[in-house]
Amino acid sequence: MRAEEPAGTARDDDAEVAAALREGNAGCAALHRDLPFQRRTWAIQRVGWVGSALLLAVAGGGWFGEGPVSRVCQEERGLRVCYERYCRVSTETLLELSVPPPAGDELVVWFEERAFAAMSLRALIPDARQESAPGRVRFSFPAAGAARIRVCVRHEEAGTVTYRVGVEGGPETTIRHTVYP
């Protein structure tokens, strides 16, 4: 080493690498040679690990489909509707309605007509008579045993679907699905 070169210069590093190569420790020498770069790489890896863990937790929780975060129940004056908030196109989703007992011998539950523009009806339990009314699709059930209704639908389009559902002459509520491709 010359007198005018300070310690820790590139020439010192080259000598250190050459010595490490003679001893068979080339990897350690290279790491020592560019330690700041390696530390940045480690920091980026940690950020990636945290991001991956968060993505797995969110997916497991139901943000991308079925799961505890996706399942929502809302109640409005005796009408209780439970459904999946996050769905996928071409998958079936179950809406469960618990309705107050009807005053007469028939219970009429309605959905806004636009609900069925974005999804199709697959099943309705118990069976009901379907009728169209201006801006609504109505389902008439016999009063006996109609307190719990299951509606199976299939989403046909990706996007946000917002519509209202209610009991004729009674409570109503808004349902909002986010449908992923």
Protein backbone atom coordinates (compact mmCIF):
# COMPACT_ATOMS: atom_id res chain seq x y z
CA MET A 1 0.00 0.00 0.00
CA ARG A 2 1.24 3.45 -0.85
CA ALA A 3 1.54 6.15 1.79
CA GLU A 4 -0.86 8.58 0.05
CA GLU A 5 -3.81 6.10 0.01
CA PRO A 6 -5.93 6.01 3.17
CA ALA A 7 -6.88 2.69 4.72
CA GLY A 8 -10.16 1.12 3.48
CA THR A 9 -9.74 2.09 -0.17
CA ALA A 10 -10.65 0.01 -3.19
CA ARG A 11 -7.09 -1.34 -3.37
CA ASP A 12 -7.42 -2.64 0.24
CA ASP A 13 -10.76 -4.23 -0.64
CA ASP A 14 -9.24 -5.91 -3.71
CA ALA A 15 -6.41 -7.31 -1.61
CA GLU A 16 -8.95 -8.57 0.93
CA VAL A 17 -10.99 -10.26 -1.81
CA ALA A 18 -7.86 -11.86 -3.27
CA ALA A 19 -6.90 -13.19 0.16
CA ALA A 20 -10.43 -14.54 0.71
CA LEU A 21 -10.34 -16.27 -2.69
CA ARG A 22 -7.06 -18.00 -1.78
CA GLU A 23 -8.69 -19.20 1.46
CA GLY A 24 -11.92 -20.31 -0.31
CA ASN A 25 -14.13 -17.62 1.33
CA ALA A 26 -15.16 -15.63 -1.76
CA GLY A 27 -18.80 -15.20 -0.62
CA CYS A 28 -17.83 -13.66 2.71
CA ALA A 29 -15.38 -11.30 1.07
CA ALA A 30 -17.98 -10.12 -1.45
CA LEU A 31 -20.48 -9.56 1.37
CA HIS A 32 -17.98 -7.54 3.35
CA ARG A 33 -17.07 -5.59 0.25
CA ASP A 34 -20.65 -4.33 -0.39
CA LEU A 35 -22.26 -4.45 3.04
CA PRO A 36 -24.40 -1.26 2.55
CA PHE A 37 -25.98 -2.82 -0.55
CA GLN A 38 -26.65 -6.04 1.35
CA ARG A 39 -28.27 -4.14 4.21
CA ARG A 40 -30.60 -2.36 1.76
CA THR A 41 -31.49 -5.72 0.22
CA TRP A 42 -32.30 -7.15 3.66
CA ALA A 43 -34.54 -4.15 4.43
CA ILE A 44 -36.41 -4.62 1.14
CA GLN A 45 -36.83 -8.34 1.91
CA ARG A 46 -38.32 -7.52 5.32
CA VAL A 47 -40.82 -5.15 3.72
CA GLY A 48 -41.73 -7.93 1.27
CA TRP A 49 -42.23 -10.44 4.10
CA VAL A 50 -44.48 -8.04 6.00
CA GLY A 51 -46.46 -7.27 2.83
CA SER A 52 -46.89 -10.98 2.07
CA ALA A 53 -48.03 -11.68 5.64
CA LEU A 54 -50.58 -8.84 5.47
CA LEU A 55 -51.89 -10.07 2.12
CA LEU A 56 -52.35 -13.59 3.51
CA ALA A 57 -54.11 -12.26 6.62
CA VAL A 58 -56.46 -10.11 4.52
CA ALA A 59 -57.23 -13.00 2.16
CA GLY A 60 -57.82 -15.39 5.06
CA GLY A 61 -60.12 -12.86 6.70
CA GLY A 62 -62.39 -12.74 3.68
CA TRP A 63 -61.58 -9.51 1.88
CA PHE A 64 -61.39 -11.42 -1.41
CA GLY A 65 -64.36 -13.73 -0.89
CA GLU A 66 -65.90 -15.90 1.82
CA GLY A 67 -64.69 -15.28 5.34
CA PRO A 68 -65.47 -13.51 8.59
CA VAL A 69 -64.77 -10.03 7.20
CA SER A 70 -66.95 -10.68 4.16
CA ARG A 71 -70.03 -11.97 6.02
CA VAL A 72 -72.29 -9.14 7.13
CA CYS A 73 -75.69 -9.04 8.82
CA GLN A 74 -77.80 -5.93 9.07
CA GLU A 75 -81.12 -5.39 10.76
CA GLU A 76 -83.83 -2.82 10.17
CA ARG A 77 -87.01 -2.90 12.33
CA GLY A 78 -87.21 -6.68 12.45
CA LEU A 79 -85.90 -7.39 8.94
CA ARG A 80 -82.51 -9.10 9.22
CA VAL A 81 -80.43 -9.73 6.09
CA CYS A 82 -77.15 -11.70 6.15
CA TYR A 83 -74.99 -11.92 3.02
CA GLU A 84 -71.45 -11.99 1.64
CA ARG A 85 -70.16 -8.48 1.10
CA TYR A 86 -67.28 -9.63 -1.18
CA CYS A 87 -68.10 -12.08 -3.99
CA ARG A 88 -66.71 -13.36 -7.28
CA VAL A 89 -68.27 -13.35 -10.73
CA SER A 90 -69.98 -16.64 -11.64
CA THR A 91 -70.18 -17.86 -8.04
CA GLU A 92 -73.33 -18.41 -6.08
CA THR A 93 -74.01 -16.33 -2.99
CA LEU A 94 -76.61 -16.93 -0.30
CA LEU A 95 -78.72 -14.13 1.13
CA GLU A 96 -80.56 -15.06 4.32
CA LEU A 97 -83.56 -12.98 5.30
CA SER A 98 -85.32 -13.19 8.64
CA VAL A 99 -88.55 -11.27 8.44
CA PRO A 100 -91.14 -10.21 11.00
CA PRO A 101 -94.34 -12.29 11.02
CA PRO A 102 -96.86 -10.97 8.49
CA ALA A 103 -100.18 -9.49 9.57
CA GLY A 104 -102.15 -11.39 6.93
CA ASP A 105 -101.97 -14.80 5.29
CA GLU A 106 -99.25 -13.80 2.82
CA LEU A 107 -95.75 -12.35 3.14
CA VAL A 108 -94.36 -10.28 0.26
CA VAL A 109 -90.60 -9.64 0.06
CA TRP A 110 -89.31 -7.38 -2.70
CA PHE A 111 -85.96 -6.62 -4.32
CA GLU A 112 -85.16 -3.61 -6.46
CA GLU A 113 -85.30 -4.60 -10.10
CA ARG A 114 -81.70 -3.49 -10.69
CA ALA A 115 -80.50 -6.25 -8.34
CA PHE A 116 -81.35 -8.85 -10.96
CA ALA A 117 -79.66 -6.89 -13.74
CA ALA A 118 -76.28 -7.80 -12.22
CA MET A 119 -77.14 -11.23 -10.80
CA SER A 120 -79.46 -14.12 -11.53
CA LEU A 121 -81.77 -15.94 -9.15
CA ARG A 122 -80.67 -19.56 -8.67
CA ALA A 123 -82.92 -20.76 -5.83
CA LEU A 124 -85.48 -19.48 -3.37
CA ILE A 125 -86.36 -21.36 -0.18
CA PRO A 126 -89.21 -21.67 0.59
CA ASP A 127 -90.81 -21.57 -2.85
CA ALA A 128 -92.59 -18.35 -3.71
CA ARG A 129 -94.65 -16.81 -6.44
CA GLN A 130 -92.64 -14.21 -8.38
CA GLU A 131 -94.28 -11.02 -9.62
CA SER A 132 -93.03 -7.88 -11.27
CA ALA A 133 -93.97 -4.44 -10.02
CA PRO A 134 -92.67 -1.06 -11.22
CA GLY A 135 -88.97 -1.02 -10.25
CA ARG A 136 -89.30 -4.14 -8.09
CA VAL A 137 -89.35 -7.91 -8.22
CA ARG A 138 -91.78 -9.28 -5.62
CA PHE A 139 -91.87 -12.73 -4.03
CA SER A 140 -95.06 -13.84 -2.29
CA PHE A 141 -94.82 -16.52 0.40
CA PRO A 142 -97.54 -18.22 2.41
CA ALA A 143 -97.44 -16.69 5.90
CA ALA A 144 -96.83 -20.05 7.60
CA GLY A 145 -93.10 -20.79 7.80
CA ALA A 146 -91.94 -17.80 5.78
CA ALA A 147 -90.08 -16.10 8.62
CA ARG A 148 -86.71 -17.31 7.27
CA ILE A 149 -86.02 -16.97 3.56
CA ARG A 150 -82.91 -18.08 1.68
CA VAL A 151 -82.15 -16.55 -1.70
CA CYS A 152 -79.35 -18.04 -3.78
CA VAL A 153 -78.04 -15.73 -6.50
CA ARG A 154 -75.22 -15.86 -9.02
CA HIS A 155 -73.28 -12.68 -9.82
CA GLU A 156 -72.92 -12.07 -13.55
CA GLU A 157 -70.76 -8.91 -13.60
CA ALA A 158 -67.77 -7.56 -11.71
CA GLY A 159 -68.14 -4.28 -9.85
CA THR A 160 -70.25 -2.89 -7.03
CA VAL A 161 -73.89 -3.94 -6.81
CA THR A 162 -76.12 -1.88 -4.51
CA TYR A 163 -79.84 -2.48 -4.18
CA ARG A 164 -82.67 -2.39 -1.67
CA VAL A 165 -84.67 -5.28 -0.29
CA GLY A 166 -87.68 -5.12 1.97
CA VAL A 167 -91.01 -6.42 3.16
CA GLU A 168 -94.11 -5.02 1.46
CA GLY A 169 -95.54 -2.37 3.79
CA GLY A 170 -92.70 -2.88 6.28
CA PRO A 171 -88.97 -2.49 6.81
CA GLU A 172 -86.38 -2.30 4.04
CA THR A 173 -82.58 -2.17 3.91
CA THR A 174 -79.75 -1.62 1.44
CA ILE A 175 -77.45 -4.44 0.36
CA ARG A 176 -74.06 -3.79 -1.20
CA HIS A 177 -71.86 -6.45 -2.84
CA THR A 178 -68.37 -5.92 -4.19
CA VAL A 179 -67.96 -8.47 -6.98
CA TYR A 180 -64.43 -9.41 -8.04
CA PRO A 181 -63.64 -10.85 -11.49
